[in-house]
Amino acid sequence: MVQPARMKRATRAVRIGESRCGLGVFARRRFITGDSIAEIRGKVIADPEYWSAYCIDLGGGAVLEPAAPFRFINHSCQPNCELVDYTRWDDATGAIRHMTRVRAIAPINSGHELTIDYAWPSTCAIPCLCGSERCRGWIVAEASLRELLESIKTN
């Protein structure tokens, strides 16, 4: 199967490799702060009950089930990337297309793992293994950490 040019560029920019948490996404080249790395491709599922270990909440009851390589982007409490949602007009379909891209929020050297802050609500928090200097100890939104810790104390 021939890949579209955009997918080939994304594949050349990153690779899947072994990470401290299983598989991860690693830079094949250097990125500077603000670089748009690639679009996350996958299937949009409009079902508020749908869940998987990889899905990305798009709001409004919809999630994106990402395809590789970004299916394997891991969490860090001190991330070097963020997800950016945006829309654009698709001339081919004559409709607005919703897209999610990965953008560098810090310099990333070739060979380094790309990470994002999952920022989960306290009800979904799990212990964090990111190992960053600013690790919160939990995969949870920074604003929800106090609530999580208080709920752990009372239980």
C-alpha atoms as a PDB file:
ATOM      1  CA  MET A   1       0.000   0.000   0.000  1.00  0.00           C
ATOM      2  CA  VAL A   2       1.359   3.422  -0.924  1.00  0.00           C
ATOM      3  CA  GLN A   3       1.291   5.952   1.899  1.00  0.00           C
ATOM      4  CA  PRO A   4       0.180   9.523   1.253  1.00  0.00           C
ATOM      5  CA  ALA A   5       3.065  12.015   1.305  1.00  0.00           C
ATOM      6  CA  ARG A   6       1.931  13.462   4.674  1.00  0.00           C
ATOM      7  CA  MET A   7       2.089  10.041   6.324  1.00  0.00           C
ATOM      8  CA  LYS A   8       5.558   9.383   4.870  1.00  0.00           C
ATOM      9  CA  ARG A   9       6.777  12.702   6.324  1.00  0.00           C
ATOM     10  CA  ALA A  10       5.345  11.819   9.743  1.00  0.00           C
ATOM     11  CA  THR A  11       6.930   8.367   9.602  1.00  0.00           C
ATOM     12  CA  ARG A  12      10.293   9.883   8.682  1.00  0.00           C
ATOM     13  CA  ALA A  13      10.045  12.379  11.554  1.00  0.00           C
ATOM     14  CA  VAL A  14       9.389   9.815  14.311  1.00  0.00           C
ATOM     15  CA  ARG A  15       9.748   6.112  15.037  1.00  0.00           C
ATOM     16  CA  ILE A  16       8.211   3.638  17.479  1.00  0.00           C
ATOM     17  CA  GLY A  17      10.669   2.145  19.958  1.00  0.00           C
ATOM     18  CA  GLU A  18      11.093   0.627  23.392  1.00  0.00           C
ATOM     19  CA  SER A  19      10.345   3.038  26.234  1.00  0.00           C
ATOM     20  CA  ARG A  20      10.367   2.850  30.019  1.00  0.00           C
ATOM     21  CA  CYS A  21       6.594   2.243  29.769  1.00  0.00           C
ATOM     22  CA  GLY A  22       6.513  -0.268  26.889  1.00  0.00           C
ATOM     23  CA  LEU A  23       6.441   1.290  23.420  1.00  0.00           C
ATOM     24  CA  GLY A  24       6.940   4.986  22.797  1.00  0.00           C
ATOM     25  CA  VAL A  25       7.378   7.535  20.005  1.00  0.00           C
ATOM     26  CA  PHE A  26      10.913   8.820  19.366  1.00  0.00           C
ATOM     27  CA  ALA A  27      12.225  11.704  17.270  1.00  0.00           C
ATOM     28  CA  ARG A  28      14.228  10.811  14.169  1.00  0.00           C
ATOM     29  CA  ARG A  29      15.378  14.424  13.889  1.00  0.00           C
ATOM     30  CA  ARG A  30      15.641  17.538  16.022  1.00  0.00           C
ATOM     31  CA  PHE A  31      12.533  19.629  16.713  1.00  0.00           C
ATOM     32  CA  ILE A  32      12.474  23.134  18.128  1.00  0.00           C
ATOM     33  CA  THR A  33       9.810  24.644  20.370  1.00  0.00           C
ATOM     34  CA  GLY A  34       6.700  25.387  18.318  1.00  0.00           C
ATOM     35  CA  ASP A  35       7.394  22.830  15.567  1.00  0.00           C
ATOM     36  CA  SER A  36       4.295  21.047  14.337  1.00  0.00           C
ATOM     37  CA  ILE A  37       5.503  17.445  14.277  1.00  0.00           C
ATOM     38  CA  ALA A  38       2.631  15.608  12.587  1.00  0.00           C
ATOM     39  CA  GLU A  39      -1.107  15.062  12.459  1.00  0.00           C
ATOM     40  CA  ILE A  40      -2.467  12.228  14.564  1.00  0.00           C
ATOM     41  CA  ARG A  41      -4.398   9.938  12.244  1.00  0.00           C
ATOM     42  CA  GLY A  42      -7.016   7.486  13.410  1.00  0.00           C
ATOM     43  CA  LYS A  43     -10.708   6.847  13.749  1.00  0.00           C
ATOM     44  CA  VAL A  44     -13.084   9.324  15.394  1.00  0.00           C
ATOM     45  CA  ILE A  45     -15.658   7.467  17.486  1.00  0.00           C
ATOM     46  CA  ALA A  46     -18.775   9.379  18.573  1.00  0.00           C
ATOM     47  CA  ASP A  47     -19.675   7.211  21.551  1.00  0.00           C
ATOM     48  CA  PRO A  48     -19.405   8.645  25.090  1.00  0.00           C
ATOM     49  CA  GLU A  49     -19.091   5.089  26.490  1.00  0.00           C
ATOM     50  CA  TYR A  50     -16.140   4.119  24.264  1.00  0.00           C
ATOM     51  CA  TRP A  51     -12.786   3.703  25.981  1.00  0.00           C
ATOM     52  CA  SER A  52      -9.393   2.252  25.156  1.00  0.00           C
ATOM     53  CA  ALA A  53      -5.916   2.658  26.585  1.00  0.00           C
ATOM     54  CA  TYR A  54      -4.994   4.817  23.584  1.00  0.00           C
ATOM     55  CA  CYS A  55      -8.042   6.992  22.856  1.00  0.00           C
ATOM     56  CA  ILE A  56      -7.844  10.777  22.989  1.00  0.00           C
ATOM     57  CA  ASP A  57     -10.878  12.700  24.289  1.00  0.00           C
ATOM     58  CA  LEU A  58     -12.061  15.201  21.683  1.00  0.00           C
ATOM     59  CA  GLY A  59     -14.946  16.499  23.806  1.00  0.00           C
ATOM     60  CA  GLY A  60     -18.643  16.300  23.094  1.00  0.00           C
ATOM     61  CA  GLY A  61     -18.684  12.519  23.594  1.00  0.00           C
ATOM     62  CA  ALA A  62     -16.208  11.840  20.779  1.00  0.00           C
ATOM     63  CA  VAL A  63     -12.770  10.247  20.994  1.00  0.00           C
ATOM     64  CA  LEU A  64      -9.942   9.710  18.548  1.00  0.00           C
ATOM     65  CA  GLU A  65      -8.588   6.159  18.423  1.00  0.00           C
ATOM     66  CA  PRO A  66      -5.111   6.997  17.112  1.00  0.00           C
ATOM     67  CA  ALA A  67      -3.186   4.938  14.586  1.00  0.00           C
ATOM     68  CA  ALA A  68       0.532   4.265  14.858  1.00  0.00           C
ATOM     69  CA  PRO A  69       2.918   5.885  15.453  1.00  0.00           C
ATOM     70  CA  PHE A  70       1.136   8.356  17.762  1.00  0.00           C
ATOM     71  CA  ARG A  71      -0.956   5.575  19.294  1.00  0.00           C
ATOM     72  CA  PHE A  72       2.151   5.014  21.423  1.00  0.00           C
ATOM     73  CA  ILE A  73       2.868   8.556  22.628  1.00  0.00           C
ATOM     74  CA  ASN A  74       3.457   8.308  26.370  1.00  0.00           C
ATOM     75  CA  HIS A  75       2.643  10.551  29.312  1.00  0.00           C
ATOM     76  CA  SER A  76       5.153  12.697  31.164  1.00  0.00           C
ATOM     77  CA  CYS A  77       4.534  15.161  33.990  1.00  0.00           C
ATOM     78  CA  GLN A  78       7.193  17.280  32.226  1.00  0.00           C
ATOM     79  CA  PRO A  79       6.204  16.781  28.570  1.00  0.00           C
ATOM     80  CA  ASN A  80       8.029  18.021  25.491  1.00  0.00           C
ATOM     81  CA  CYS A  81       4.909  17.995  23.271  1.00  0.00           C
ATOM     82  CA  GLU A  82       1.257  18.967  23.373  1.00  0.00           C
ATOM     83  CA  LEU A  83      -1.794  18.068  21.328  1.00  0.00           C
ATOM     84  CA  VAL A  84      -3.380  20.859  19.320  1.00  0.00           C
ATOM     85  CA  ASP A  85      -6.916  20.513  17.964  1.00  0.00           C
ATOM     86  CA  TYR A  86      -7.916  22.596  14.986  1.00  0.00           C
ATOM     87  CA  THR A  87     -10.264  22.615  12.023  1.00  0.00           C
ATOM     88  CA  ARG A  88      -9.796  23.341   8.364  1.00  0.00           C
ATOM     89  CA  TRP A  89     -11.917  23.281   5.259  1.00  0.00           C
ATOM     90  CA  ASP A  90     -11.459  20.081   3.232  1.00  0.00           C
ATOM     91  CA  ASP A  91     -11.946  20.905  -0.459  1.00  0.00           C
ATOM     92  CA  ALA A  92     -12.199  17.205  -1.344  1.00  0.00           C
ATOM     93  CA  THR A  93     -15.204  16.563   0.905  1.00  0.00           C
ATOM     94  CA  GLY A  94     -16.641  20.080   1.039  1.00  0.00           C
ATOM     95  CA  ALA A  95     -16.783  19.934   4.824  1.00  0.00           C
ATOM     96  CA  ILE A  96     -14.905  21.147   7.864  1.00  0.00           C
ATOM     97  CA  ARG A  97     -12.313  18.618   8.999  1.00  0.00           C
ATOM     98  CA  HIS A  98     -11.307  18.319  12.665  1.00  0.00           C
ATOM     99  CA  MET A  99      -7.670  17.413  13.222  1.00  0.00           C
ATOM    100  CA  THR A 100      -5.260  16.849  16.092  1.00  0.00           C
ATOM    101  CA  ARG A 101      -1.550  17.571  15.714  1.00  0.00           C
ATOM    102  CA  VAL A 102       1.460  16.999  17.917  1.00  0.00           C
ATOM    103  CA  ARG A 103       3.456  20.192  18.587  1.00  0.00           C
ATOM    104  CA  ALA A 104       6.809  20.537  20.338  1.00  0.00           C
ATOM    105  CA  ILE A 105       6.660  22.678  23.509  1.00  0.00           C
ATOM    106  CA  ALA A 106      10.365  22.200  24.225  1.00  0.00           C
ATOM    107  CA  PRO A 107      13.411  21.387  22.107  1.00  0.00           C
ATOM    108  CA  ILE A 108      13.574  17.667  21.248  1.00  0.00           C
ATOM    109  CA  ASN A 109      16.814  16.080  20.075  1.00  0.00           C
ATOM    110  CA  SER A 110      16.990  13.179  17.650  1.00  0.00           C
ATOM    111  CA  GLY A 111      16.530   9.911  19.553  1.00  0.00           C
ATOM    112  CA  HIS A 112      14.561  11.465  22.425  1.00  0.00           C
ATOM    113  CA  GLU A 113      11.068  10.262  23.309  1.00  0.00           C
ATOM    114  CA  LEU A 114       8.093  12.502  22.505  1.00  0.00           C
ATOM    115  CA  THR A 115       5.735  12.841  25.487  1.00  0.00           C
ATOM    116  CA  ILE A 116       2.516  14.647  26.383  1.00  0.00           C
ATOM    117  CA  ASP A 117       0.736  15.314  29.673  1.00  0.00           C
ATOM    118  CA  TYR A 118      -2.369  13.109  29.617  1.00  0.00           C
ATOM    119  CA  ALA A 119      -3.972  15.420  32.237  1.00  0.00           C
ATOM    120  CA  TRP A 120      -6.544  12.827  33.262  1.00  0.00           C
ATOM    121  CA  PRO A 121      -9.296  13.661  35.765  1.00  0.00           C
ATOM    122  CA  SER A 122      -8.718  12.401  39.314  1.00  0.00           C
ATOM    123  CA  THR A 123     -11.298   9.631  38.829  1.00  0.00           C
ATOM    124  CA  CYS A 124      -9.092   8.064  36.131  1.00  0.00           C
ATOM    125  CA  ALA A 125      -5.682   8.595  37.761  1.00  0.00           C
ATOM    126  CA  ILE A 126      -3.101   5.810  37.884  1.00  0.00           C
ATOM    127  CA  PRO A 127       0.423   5.810  39.348  1.00  0.00           C
ATOM    128  CA  CYS A 128       2.933   7.589  37.116  1.00  0.00           C
ATOM    129  CA  LEU A 129       6.227   6.063  36.029  1.00  0.00           C
ATOM    130  CA  CYS A 130       7.476   8.956  33.889  1.00  0.00           C
ATOM    131  CA  GLY A 131      10.592   9.558  35.978  1.00  0.00           C
ATOM    132  CA  SER A 132      10.687  13.298  35.249  1.00  0.00           C
ATOM    133  CA  GLU A 133      12.106  15.773  37.773  1.00  0.00           C
ATOM    134  CA  ARG A 134       8.601  17.184  38.270  1.00  0.00           C
ATOM    135  CA  CYS A 135       6.731  13.851  38.407  1.00  0.00           C
ATOM    136  CA  ARG A 136       3.421  14.250  40.271  1.00  0.00           C
ATOM    137  CA  GLY A 137       3.407  10.542  41.143  1.00  0.00           C
ATOM    138  CA  TRP A 138       0.077  10.142  39.367  1.00  0.00           C
ATOM    139  CA  ILE A 139      -1.123  10.458  35.780  1.00  0.00           C
ATOM    140  CA  VAL A 140      -3.625  13.189  36.547  1.00  0.00           C
ATOM    141  CA  ALA A 141      -4.240  16.796  35.569  1.00  0.00           C
ATOM    142  CA  GLU A 142      -2.065  19.066  37.692  1.00  0.00           C
ATOM    143  CA  ALA A 143      -5.184  20.962  38.788  1.00  0.00           C
ATOM    144  CA  SER A 144      -6.759  17.690  40.010  1.00  0.00           C
ATOM    145  CA  LEU A 145      -3.756  16.405  41.987  1.00  0.00           C
ATOM    146  CA  ARG A 146      -4.859  17.924  45.322  1.00  0.00           C
ATOM    147  CA  GLU A 147      -8.353  16.433  44.921  1.00  0.00           C
ATOM    148  CA  LEU A 148      -6.832  13.020  44.163  1.00  0.00           C
ATOM    149  CA  LEU A 149      -4.475  13.104  47.146  1.00  0.00           C
ATOM    150  CA  GLU A 150      -7.287  14.167  49.484  1.00  0.00           C
ATOM    151  CA  SER A 151      -9.505  11.343  48.249  1.00  0.00           C
ATOM    152  CA  ILE A 152      -6.692   8.846  48.843  1.00  0.00           C
ATOM    153  CA  LYS A 153      -6.224  10.129  52.433  1.00  0.00           C
ATOM    154  CA  THR A 154      -9.913   9.704  53.253  1.00  0.00           C
ATOM    155  CA  ASN A 155     -10.145   6.164  51.867  1.00  0.00           C
END
